[in-house]
Amino acid sequence: MGPALARSGQALPAQLQSALVELGGEMVGEPSEVQANGGDRLYRQLIVAVTAVAAAWRIFYLVVTKWSRHLMLNDSLYYSSQAYQNAHGHWFRNVLGDHPGAEHAPLTSVLLTPSSLLSNHEFWQRATNTLVGIAVIPLIAMVARRVGGRRVAVIAAVIASVYPNLWMNDSLIMSETLSTLLAVAALWFALRHRDRFEVRSALTLGVVVGLAALARSELLLLAPLFALIGLRSQPIRQWAGRGLAIMLATLAVLAPWVAYNATRFDSLVIVTTNEGGALRGANCDETYSGPAMGGWSVLCVLDNIDRPDEDASERAVRLRHEAVTYIKDHASRLPVVVAARLLRAADLYGVGDLVRFDVGEERAKWASWAGIVCWWLLAPLAVLGWWRQRRSNGWMLMAPAVGVLITTVVFYGAHRLRSPMEPVVIICAAVALAHWMPTQSFLSRRRV
């Protein structure tokens, strides 16, 4: 699977290669209306076919490996149990006690709530996420088409359909799949906003970013990053107004959750109470040296169990304070640790520990290794593809990566934190591969 992703267009399956090259014929100048309509029709057929193959594999993998699989002691237990409690009228409770819970962003639990009413609800929660993962494929194609045309879109869809770092998350009861879908949707709306640059397009983008943040709190970083769209190309007052609209729309989506948490917790909770534990687990002896350097250790959090006199928000404040104190006391190690975090995010350091982390989150060991190999193959192609797009779409494609970079530097390096930028890697790699393919193709015509 992996090596096929690294080869040029000539290495694509013969049927797809034929469709990419032959149906366009030796066109000179602009295609006729009949040719254009035929190209669009075949493009849609190819995307449907690729999505169908991707769906077949994901459903097969779900049924074969997860039908009777019990949850492990990881974040999936939180999402599954909270969704089950939601379905039975006990909304957003902590899974380990009858008190308010906001350990993670709420949208994944909300998504899984209807399937929690079914028997064998854990399997159907997995199935719900699998359907979301299938929807990611055509959405990536939509973004890729807007970036580079139909040919790039088809190549991106093919890569996404087989890319382990996407499909191995789809059968998990975790937030990665939904957050990936919303991150891709935010990217599509960002590209549309760049083209239209209207108040309405800015507000829509802000709403989508707000929803993404309710799936994964770190995706809130997309709001200020996308607010920079138009900084160099638009009048400063118009740019400032559109940027403000993005930020306000994002905050408006978050406001009900923040207000709800204000009635449940003693300290401010914007999205989750998890940042304290995330910081503490990333800043301790185990993660400042040794095989887990640059990663996260649950042992550092278990040493700081709940105190009877504090709620989850107060515990988050305490853990955050302890993490900051540890950072100050070990400031000389911080540059090395941050470098390790970044190298881990790029699968260039601590790979064995990353795989163990994945296995602990219920990802298959072989799939995790396959994802690492595919990343090694795709990442250099993605850099080349981004370079080709740097003048037209450079910032939009860079923004998710910048968000992941900030999250990794502040917290730790892990595959799950990298998930919001995986679709961008796929799209940029597709741009590079499309550049090396024969140009006489109906898919070489750009139609948005």
Protein backbone atom coordinates (compact mmCIF):
# COMPACT_ATOMS: atom_id res chain seq x y z
CA MET A 1 0.00 0.00 0.00
CA GLY A 2 2.65 2.50 1.09
CA PRO A 3 5.05 2.46 -1.89
CA ALA A 4 2.21 2.95 -4.34
CA LEU A 5 1.50 6.32 -2.79
CA ALA A 6 5.00 7.57 -3.48
CA ARG A 7 5.16 6.80 -7.18
CA SER A 8 4.23 9.25 -9.89
CA GLY A 9 1.08 9.29 -11.98
CA GLN A 10 2.36 6.39 -14.11
CA ALA A 11 2.09 4.18 -11.04
CA LEU A 12 -1.65 4.66 -10.61
CA PRO A 13 -3.91 1.70 -11.41
CA ALA A 14 -4.23 1.14 -15.15
CA GLN A 15 -7.98 1.80 -15.29
CA LEU A 16 -7.65 5.07 -13.41
CA GLN A 17 -4.61 6.06 -15.51
CA SER A 18 -6.67 5.44 -18.65
CA ALA A 19 -9.54 7.52 -17.32
CA LEU A 20 -7.22 10.36 -16.43
CA VAL A 21 -5.53 10.48 -19.83
CA GLU A 22 -7.65 9.01 -22.59
CA LEU A 23 -11.10 10.48 -21.99
CA GLY A 24 -9.83 14.01 -22.46
CA GLY A 25 -8.35 13.24 -25.83
CA GLU A 26 -5.83 15.52 -27.48
CA MET A 27 -7.68 18.72 -26.69
CA VAL A 28 -6.43 22.01 -27.99
CA GLY A 29 -7.74 25.22 -26.45
CA GLU A 30 -10.84 25.22 -24.28
CA PRO A 31 -13.10 22.15 -24.17
CA SER A 32 -16.52 22.31 -25.75
CA GLU A 33 -19.61 22.32 -23.53
CA VAL A 34 -20.23 18.65 -24.34
CA GLN A 35 -16.65 17.77 -23.45
CA ALA A 36 -16.84 19.79 -20.23
CA ASN A 37 -20.12 18.16 -19.19
CA GLY A 38 -18.73 14.75 -20.02
CA GLY A 39 -15.62 15.50 -18.00
CA ASP A 40 -17.68 16.56 -15.01
CA ARG A 41 -19.83 13.45 -15.29
CA LEU A 42 -16.85 11.11 -15.38
CA TYR A 43 -15.20 13.04 -12.56
CA ARG A 44 -18.24 12.49 -10.36
CA GLN A 45 -18.33 8.82 -11.31
CA LEU A 46 -14.69 8.40 -10.34
CA ILE A 47 -15.21 10.10 -6.98
CA VAL A 48 -18.25 7.93 -6.28
CA ALA A 49 -16.31 4.80 -7.24
CA VAL A 50 -13.33 5.71 -5.07
CA THR A 51 -15.62 6.55 -2.16
CA ALA A 52 -17.43 3.24 -2.58
CA VAL A 53 -14.16 1.31 -2.43
CA ALA A 54 -13.10 3.30 0.63
CA ALA A 55 -16.45 2.60 2.27
CA ALA A 56 -16.21 -1.13 1.54
CA TRP A 57 -12.78 -1.35 3.17
CA ARG A 58 -13.78 0.69 6.22
CA ILE A 59 -16.96 -1.29 6.81
CA PHE A 60 -15.10 -4.58 6.34
CA TYR A 61 -12.43 -3.49 8.81
CA LEU A 62 -15.10 -2.32 11.27
CA VAL A 63 -17.06 -5.58 11.20
CA VAL A 64 -14.07 -7.91 11.24
CA THR A 65 -12.03 -6.19 13.94
CA LYS A 66 -14.53 -4.31 16.11
CA TRP A 67 -17.79 -6.28 16.21
CA SER A 68 -17.29 -7.61 19.74
CA ARG A 69 -14.26 -5.54 20.72
CA HIS A 70 -14.54 -4.07 24.21
CA LEU A 71 -13.31 -0.59 24.95
CA MET A 72 -9.86 -0.07 26.39
CA LEU A 73 -8.98 2.33 29.18
CA ASN A 74 -8.49 5.42 27.02
CA ASP A 75 -10.48 8.39 25.77
CA SER A 76 -12.92 6.14 23.90
CA LEU A 77 -14.36 5.10 27.27
CA TYR A 78 -15.19 8.74 27.99
CA TYR A 79 -16.87 9.42 24.64
CA SER A 80 -18.83 6.17 24.64
CA SER A 81 -20.02 6.39 28.23
CA GLN A 82 -20.95 10.05 28.01
CA ALA A 83 -22.91 9.46 24.80
CA TYR A 84 -24.71 6.56 26.51
CA GLN A 85 -25.58 8.76 29.48
CA ASN A 86 -26.73 11.52 27.14
CA ALA A 87 -29.05 9.06 25.41
CA HIS A 88 -30.63 8.20 28.74
CA GLY A 89 -31.17 11.77 29.87
CA HIS A 90 -28.02 12.40 31.91
CA TRP A 91 -26.33 15.01 29.78
CA PHE A 92 -22.57 15.61 29.82
CA ARG A 93 -21.75 13.78 33.03
CA ASN A 94 -18.36 12.50 34.10
CA VAL A 95 -18.00 8.79 33.36
CA LEU A 96 -16.39 8.01 36.71
CA GLY A 97 -18.91 9.72 38.93
CA ASP A 98 -22.20 11.56 39.08
CA HIS A 99 -20.83 15.03 38.54
CA PRO A 100 -20.42 17.37 35.53
CA GLY A 101 -18.05 16.27 32.79
CA ALA A 102 -16.22 18.34 30.19
CA GLU A 103 -13.01 16.35 29.94
CA HIS A 104 -13.28 16.55 26.16
CA ALA A 105 -15.10 18.74 23.66
CA PRO A 106 -18.80 17.81 23.47
CA LEU A 107 -19.60 17.37 19.78
CA THR A 108 -18.33 13.79 19.41
CA SER A 109 -20.44 12.64 22.34
CA VAL A 110 -23.45 14.42 20.84
CA LEU A 111 -22.85 12.73 17.48
CA LEU A 112 -22.73 9.31 19.14
CA THR A 113 -25.79 9.85 21.34
CA PRO A 114 -28.47 8.49 18.91
CA SER A 115 -26.57 5.25 18.26
CA SER A 116 -26.21 4.80 22.03
CA LEU A 117 -29.92 3.93 22.18
CA LEU A 118 -29.30 0.71 20.22
CA SER A 119 -28.31 -2.66 21.62
CA ASN A 120 -24.59 -3.38 21.28
CA HIS A 121 -24.30 0.40 21.33
CA GLU A 122 -20.50 0.46 21.31
CA PHE A 123 -20.42 -1.17 17.88
CA TRP A 124 -22.98 1.27 16.51
CA GLN A 125 -21.03 4.18 17.94
CA ARG A 126 -18.06 2.87 15.97
CA ALA A 127 -20.29 2.52 12.91
CA THR A 128 -21.38 6.15 13.25
CA ASN A 129 -17.78 7.31 13.24
CA THR A 130 -17.08 5.04 10.27
CA LEU A 131 -19.82 6.77 8.26
CA VAL A 132 -18.28 10.12 9.14
CA GLY A 133 -14.89 8.83 8.00
CA ILE A 134 -16.36 7.75 4.67
CA ALA A 135 -17.75 11.25 4.18
CA VAL A 136 -14.25 12.67 4.59
CA ILE A 137 -13.21 11.18 1.20
CA PRO A 138 -15.49 13.23 -1.11
CA LEU A 139 -14.97 16.29 1.08
CA ILE A 140 -11.20 16.04 0.58
CA ALA A 141 -11.91 15.74 -3.15
CA MET A 142 -14.00 18.93 -3.02
CA VAL A 143 -11.17 20.86 -1.39
CA ALA A 144 -8.59 19.36 -3.74
CA ARG A 145 -10.68 20.31 -6.77
CA ARG A 146 -10.91 23.88 -5.57
CA VAL A 147 -7.14 23.91 -5.06
CA GLY A 148 -5.94 22.20 -8.22
CA GLY A 149 -8.80 20.95 -10.38
CA ARG A 150 -10.39 17.59 -11.12
CA ARG A 151 -7.21 15.64 -11.64
CA VAL A 152 -5.83 16.66 -8.24
CA ALA A 153 -9.22 15.86 -6.69
CA VAL A 154 -9.28 12.30 -8.03
CA ILE A 155 -5.71 11.62 -6.95
CA ALA A 156 -6.40 13.06 -3.49
CA ALA A 157 -9.52 10.89 -3.15
CA VAL A 158 -7.55 7.78 -4.10
CA ILE A 159 -4.85 8.54 -1.54
CA ALA A 160 -7.42 9.34 1.16
CA SER A 161 -9.27 6.10 0.50
CA VAL A 162 -6.22 3.96 1.34
CA TYR A 163 -4.30 6.21 3.74
CA PRO A 164 -4.01 4.36 7.08
CA ASN A 165 -3.77 7.54 9.12
CA LEU A 166 -7.37 8.24 8.13
CA TRP A 167 -9.12 4.88 8.06
CA MET A 168 -7.60 3.40 11.23
CA ASN A 169 -9.30 6.19 13.23
CA ASP A 170 -12.72 5.67 11.71
CA SER A 171 -13.66 2.58 13.73
CA LEU A 172 -12.56 4.13 17.03
CA ILE A 173 -14.87 5.89 19.46
CA MET A 174 -12.68 8.97 19.46
CA SER A 175 -12.86 12.55 18.21
CA GLU A 176 -10.29 12.31 15.40
CA THR A 177 -12.71 11.34 12.63
CA LEU A 178 -15.30 14.05 13.30
CA SER A 179 -12.65 16.70 13.88
CA THR A 180 -10.94 15.74 10.61
CA LEU A 181 -14.24 16.11 8.74
CA LEU A 182 -14.84 19.55 10.25
CA ALA A 183 -11.24 20.64 9.67
CA VAL A 184 -11.60 19.77 5.98
CA ALA A 185 -14.96 21.56 5.85
CA ALA A 186 -13.37 24.63 7.44
CA LEU A 187 -10.64 24.55 4.81
CA TRP A 188 -13.22 24.42 2.01
CA PHE A 189 -15.11 27.38 3.47
CA ALA A 190 -11.81 29.23 3.95
CA LEU A 191 -11.04 28.82 0.25
CA ARG A 192 -14.54 30.00 -0.62
CA HIS A 193 -14.17 33.00 1.68
CA ARG A 194 -10.86 33.89 0.04
CA ASP A 195 -12.60 33.94 -3.35
CA ARG A 196 -15.74 35.82 -2.26
CA PHE A 197 -14.49 37.83 0.71
CA GLU A 198 -17.98 38.73 1.86
CA VAL A 199 -19.37 39.17 5.35
CA ARG A 200 -21.59 36.15 4.78
CA SER A 201 -18.69 33.93 3.74
CA ALA A 202 -16.71 35.10 6.78
CA LEU A 203 -19.58 34.33 9.14
CA THR A 204 -20.11 30.90 7.61
CA LEU A 205 -16.42 30.11 7.98
CA GLY A 206 -16.53 31.19 11.62
CA VAL A 207 -19.51 28.94 12.32
CA VAL A 208 -17.73 25.92 10.84
CA VAL A 209 -14.56 26.67 12.81
CA GLY A 210 -16.67 26.95 15.96
CA LEU A 211 -18.16 23.52 15.31
CA ALA A 212 -14.68 22.14 14.69
CA ALA A 213 -13.55 23.53 18.05
CA LEU A 214 -16.48 21.78 19.71
CA ALA A 215 -15.09 18.55 18.28
CA ARG A 216 -11.43 19.20 19.17
CA SER A 217 -10.59 22.23 21.27
CA GLU A 218 -7.24 22.92 19.54
CA LEU A 219 -9.09 23.56 16.27
CA LEU A 220 -10.10 26.88 17.82
CA LEU A 221 -6.70 28.03 16.55
CA LEU A 222 -8.13 27.98 13.03
CA ALA A 223 -10.20 31.09 13.80
CA PRO A 224 -7.30 33.57 14.13
CA LEU A 225 -5.32 31.75 11.44
CA PHE A 226 -8.14 31.98 8.89
CA ALA A 227 -8.87 35.55 10.01
CA LEU A 228 -5.57 36.47 8.35
CA ILE A 229 -7.04 35.66 4.93
CA GLY A 230 -6.94 38.79 2.78
CA LEU A 231 -4.39 40.63 4.94
CA ARG A 232 -2.11 41.32 1.97
CA SER A 233 -4.69 41.42 -0.82
CA GLN A 234 -7.60 43.43 0.62
CA PRO A 235 -8.01 46.97 2.00
CA ILE A 236 -7.07 46.94 5.67
CA ARG A 237 -10.50 48.03 6.94
CA GLN A 238 -12.29 45.43 4.84
CA TRP A 239 -9.84 42.74 5.95
CA ALA A 240 -10.26 43.70 9.62
CA GLY A 241 -14.05 43.58 9.32
CA ARG A 242 -14.06 40.14 7.72
CA GLY A 243 -11.54 38.84 10.24
CA LEU A 244 -13.64 40.16 13.10
CA ALA A 245 -16.70 38.46 11.60
CA ILE A 246 -14.87 35.11 11.57
CA MET A 247 -13.84 35.49 15.20
CA LEU A 248 -17.28 36.62 16.39
CA ALA A 249 -19.07 33.80 14.57
CA THR A 250 -16.69 31.27 16.11
CA LEU A 251 -17.28 32.68 19.59
CA ALA A 252 -21.04 32.72 19.02
CA VAL A 253 -21.00 28.98 18.33
CA LEU A 254 -18.94 28.36 21.47
CA ALA A 255 -21.00 30.69 23.68
CA PRO A 256 -23.82 28.27 24.63
CA TRP A 257 -21.31 25.61 25.73
CA VAL A 258 -19.26 28.16 27.70
CA ALA A 259 -22.41 29.51 29.37
CA TYR A 260 -23.61 25.99 30.19
CA ASN A 261 -20.26 25.17 31.78
CA ALA A 262 -20.40 28.37 33.82
CA THR A 263 -23.44 26.92 35.58
CA ARG A 264 -21.62 23.65 36.34
CA PHE A 265 -18.04 24.55 37.25
CA ASP A 266 -16.42 26.98 39.64
CA SER A 267 -13.67 28.05 37.22
CA LEU A 268 -13.96 29.17 33.59
CA VAL A 269 -14.23 26.31 31.08
CA ILE A 270 -14.09 27.46 27.46
CA VAL A 271 -14.24 24.06 25.76
CA THR A 272 -12.75 21.36 28.02
CA THR A 273 -11.21 20.77 31.42
CA ASN A 274 -8.54 18.63 29.80
CA GLU A 275 -5.82 21.18 29.11
CA GLY A 276 -4.45 20.93 32.65
CA GLY A 277 -4.00 17.17 32.43
CA ALA A 278 -2.59 17.44 28.91
CA LEU A 279 0.01 19.96 30.05
CA ARG A 280 0.89 18.05 33.22
CA GLY A 281 1.28 14.75 31.39
CA ALA A 282 3.57 16.41 28.84
CA ASN A 283 5.77 18.14 31.42
CA CYS A 284 7.19 15.66 33.90
CA ASP A 285 10.26 13.49 34.37
CA GLU A 286 8.96 10.71 32.09
CA THR A 287 8.48 13.07 29.13
CA TYR A 288 11.60 15.21 29.58
CA SER A 289 14.00 12.30 29.06
CA GLY A 290 13.96 8.65 28.07
CA PRO A 291 11.88 6.88 25.40
CA ALA A 292 8.78 9.02 26.03
CA MET A 293 10.61 12.36 25.68
CA GLY A 294 8.42 14.81 23.82
CA GLY A 295 5.34 12.68 24.42
CA TRP A 296 2.69 12.35 27.11
CA SER A 297 2.55 10.09 30.16
CA VAL A 298 -0.59 9.14 32.05
CA LEU A 299 1.57 8.31 35.07
CA CYS A 300 2.24 12.00 35.60
CA VAL A 301 -1.49 12.69 35.75
CA LEU A 302 -2.35 9.69 37.93
CA ASP A 303 0.03 11.10 40.51
CA ASN A 304 -2.37 14.05 40.77
CA ILE A 305 -5.70 12.38 41.52
CA ASP A 306 -8.83 14.35 42.28
CA ARG A 307 -9.10 16.08 45.61
CA PRO A 308 -12.43 16.02 47.43
CA ASP A 309 -12.60 19.81 47.63
CA GLU A 310 -12.16 20.56 43.91
CA ASP A 311 -14.24 20.07 40.78
CA ALA A 312 -12.88 19.24 37.32
CA SER A 313 -12.27 22.89 36.42
CA GLU A 314 -10.33 23.53 39.63
CA ARG A 315 -8.30 20.38 39.07
CA ALA A 316 -7.45 21.65 35.57
CA VAL A 317 -6.23 24.93 37.05
CA ARG A 318 -4.10 23.09 39.60
CA LEU A 319 -2.56 20.75 37.02
CA ARG A 320 -1.85 23.67 34.70
CA HIS A 321 -0.08 25.47 37.54
CA GLU A 322 1.96 22.36 38.34
CA ALA A 323 2.91 21.99 34.67
CA VAL A 324 4.04 25.61 34.41
CA THR A 325 6.05 25.24 37.61
CA TYR A 326 7.73 22.13 36.23
CA ILE A 327 8.57 23.92 32.98
CA LYS A 328 10.17 26.81 34.87
CA ASP A 329 12.16 24.43 37.05
CA HIS A 330 13.44 22.53 34.00
CA ALA A 331 13.74 25.39 31.53
CA SER A 332 17.13 24.22 30.31
CA ARG A 333 15.55 21.00 29.01
CA LEU A 334 12.68 22.71 27.22
CA PRO A 335 14.41 23.32 23.84
CA VAL A 336 15.38 19.65 23.61
CA VAL A 337 11.90 18.52 24.64
CA VAL A 338 10.19 20.83 22.13
CA ALA A 339 12.48 19.54 19.39
CA ALA A 340 11.54 15.99 20.38
CA ARG A 341 7.84 16.90 20.23
CA LEU A 342 8.20 18.25 16.70
CA LEU A 343 10.25 15.27 15.54
CA ARG A 344 7.67 12.90 17.02
CA ALA A 345 4.92 14.73 15.13
CA ALA A 346 6.92 14.15 11.93
CA ASP A 347 7.53 10.46 12.75
CA LEU A 348 11.26 11.11 12.95
CA TYR A 349 11.81 10.39 16.64
CA GLY A 350 10.34 8.03 19.21
CA VAL A 351 8.52 6.05 16.53
CA GLY A 352 8.32 2.92 18.67
CA ASP A 353 6.78 4.90 21.52
CA LEU A 354 4.31 6.48 19.10
CA VAL A 355 3.21 3.03 17.95
CA ARG A 356 2.77 1.89 21.55
CA PHE A 357 0.69 5.01 22.17
CA ASP A 358 -1.45 4.16 19.14
CA VAL A 359 -1.93 0.56 20.27
CA GLY A 360 -3.01 1.84 23.67
CA GLU A 361 -5.71 3.83 21.88
CA GLU A 362 -6.90 0.68 20.08
CA ARG A 363 -5.22 1.20 16.74
CA ALA A 364 -3.79 -1.95 15.19
CA LYS A 365 -0.01 -2.13 15.42
CA TRP A 366 0.39 -3.03 11.74
CA ALA A 367 -1.90 -0.15 10.72
CA SER A 368 0.09 2.30 12.82
CA TRP A 369 3.34 1.21 11.16
CA ALA A 370 1.68 1.38 7.74
CA GLY A 371 0.57 4.92 8.52
CA ILE A 372 4.11 5.89 9.48
CA VAL A 373 5.54 4.50 6.24
CA CYS A 374 2.86 6.25 4.18
CA TRP A 375 3.57 9.50 6.02
CA TRP A 376 7.25 9.20 5.18
CA LEU A 377 6.28 8.83 1.52
CA LEU A 378 3.60 11.52 1.39
CA ALA A 379 5.18 14.27 3.49
CA PRO A 380 8.01 15.11 1.03
CA LEU A 381 5.51 15.11 -1.83
CA ALA A 382 3.25 17.40 0.20
CA VAL A 383 6.08 19.90 0.66
CA LEU A 384 6.62 19.96 -3.11
CA GLY A 385 2.90 20.30 -3.74
CA TRP A 386 2.56 23.13 -1.25
CA TRP A 387 5.47 24.93 -2.91
CA ARG A 388 3.60 24.83 -6.21
CA GLN A 389 0.50 26.26 -4.50
CA ARG A 390 2.28 28.78 -2.29
CA ARG A 391 1.21 31.87 -4.26
CA SER A 392 -2.44 30.98 -4.79
CA ASN A 393 -3.48 28.79 -1.86
CA GLY A 394 -0.39 28.75 0.32
CA TRP A 395 -1.80 30.25 3.51
CA MET A 396 -5.07 28.30 3.49
CA LEU A 397 -3.15 25.04 3.10
CA MET A 398 -0.60 26.12 5.70
CA ALA A 399 -3.09 27.16 8.40
CA PRO A 400 -4.01 23.63 9.62
CA ALA A 401 -0.31 22.74 9.75
CA VAL A 402 0.44 25.89 11.76
CA GLY A 403 -2.32 24.94 14.19
CA VAL A 404 -0.82 21.47 14.61
CA LEU A 405 2.64 23.01 15.02
CA ILE A 406 1.44 25.27 17.84
CA THR A 407 -0.42 22.43 19.56
CA THR A 408 2.61 20.16 19.33
CA VAL A 409 5.02 22.76 20.72
CA VAL A 410 2.71 23.59 23.64
CA PHE A 411 1.62 20.05 24.45
CA TYR A 412 3.29 16.98 22.91
CA GLY A 413 3.93 15.10 19.69
CA ALA A 414 1.45 12.36 18.75
CA HIS A 415 -0.41 11.06 15.72
CA ARG A 416 -3.79 12.08 17.09
CA LEU A 417 -2.69 15.71 17.45
CA ARG A 418 -1.48 15.65 13.84
CA SER A 419 -4.82 14.45 12.45
CA PRO A 420 -6.19 17.91 11.45
CA MET A 421 -3.35 18.38 8.94
CA GLU A 422 -3.48 14.89 7.40
CA PRO A 423 -5.99 15.96 4.70
CA VAL A 424 -3.74 18.89 3.74
CA VAL A 425 -0.80 16.49 3.37
CA ILE A 426 -2.95 14.33 1.09
CA ILE A 427 -4.09 17.28 -1.04
CA CYS A 428 -0.62 18.78 -1.40
CA ALA A 429 0.85 15.37 -2.27
CA ALA A 430 -1.86 15.02 -4.92
CA VAL A 431 -0.82 18.39 -6.37
CA ALA A 432 2.75 17.13 -6.72
CA LEU A 433 1.69 13.82 -8.28
CA ALA A 434 -0.65 15.58 -10.72
CA HIS A 435 2.24 17.76 -11.88
CA TRP A 436 4.16 14.65 -12.96
CA MET A 437 1.26 13.06 -14.82
CA PRO A 438 0.51 13.41 -18.54
CA THR A 439 -1.13 16.76 -19.21
CA GLN A 440 -3.45 15.68 -22.04
CA SER A 441 -6.38 14.86 -19.81
CA PHE A 442 -9.89 16.11 -19.28
CA LEU A 443 -9.04 16.15 -15.58
CA SER A 444 -6.29 18.67 -16.19
CA ARG A 445 -8.99 21.26 -16.82
CA ARG A 446 -9.77 23.25 -13.72
CA ARG A 447 -13.45 23.53 -12.97
CA VAL A 448 -14.46 24.70 -9.50
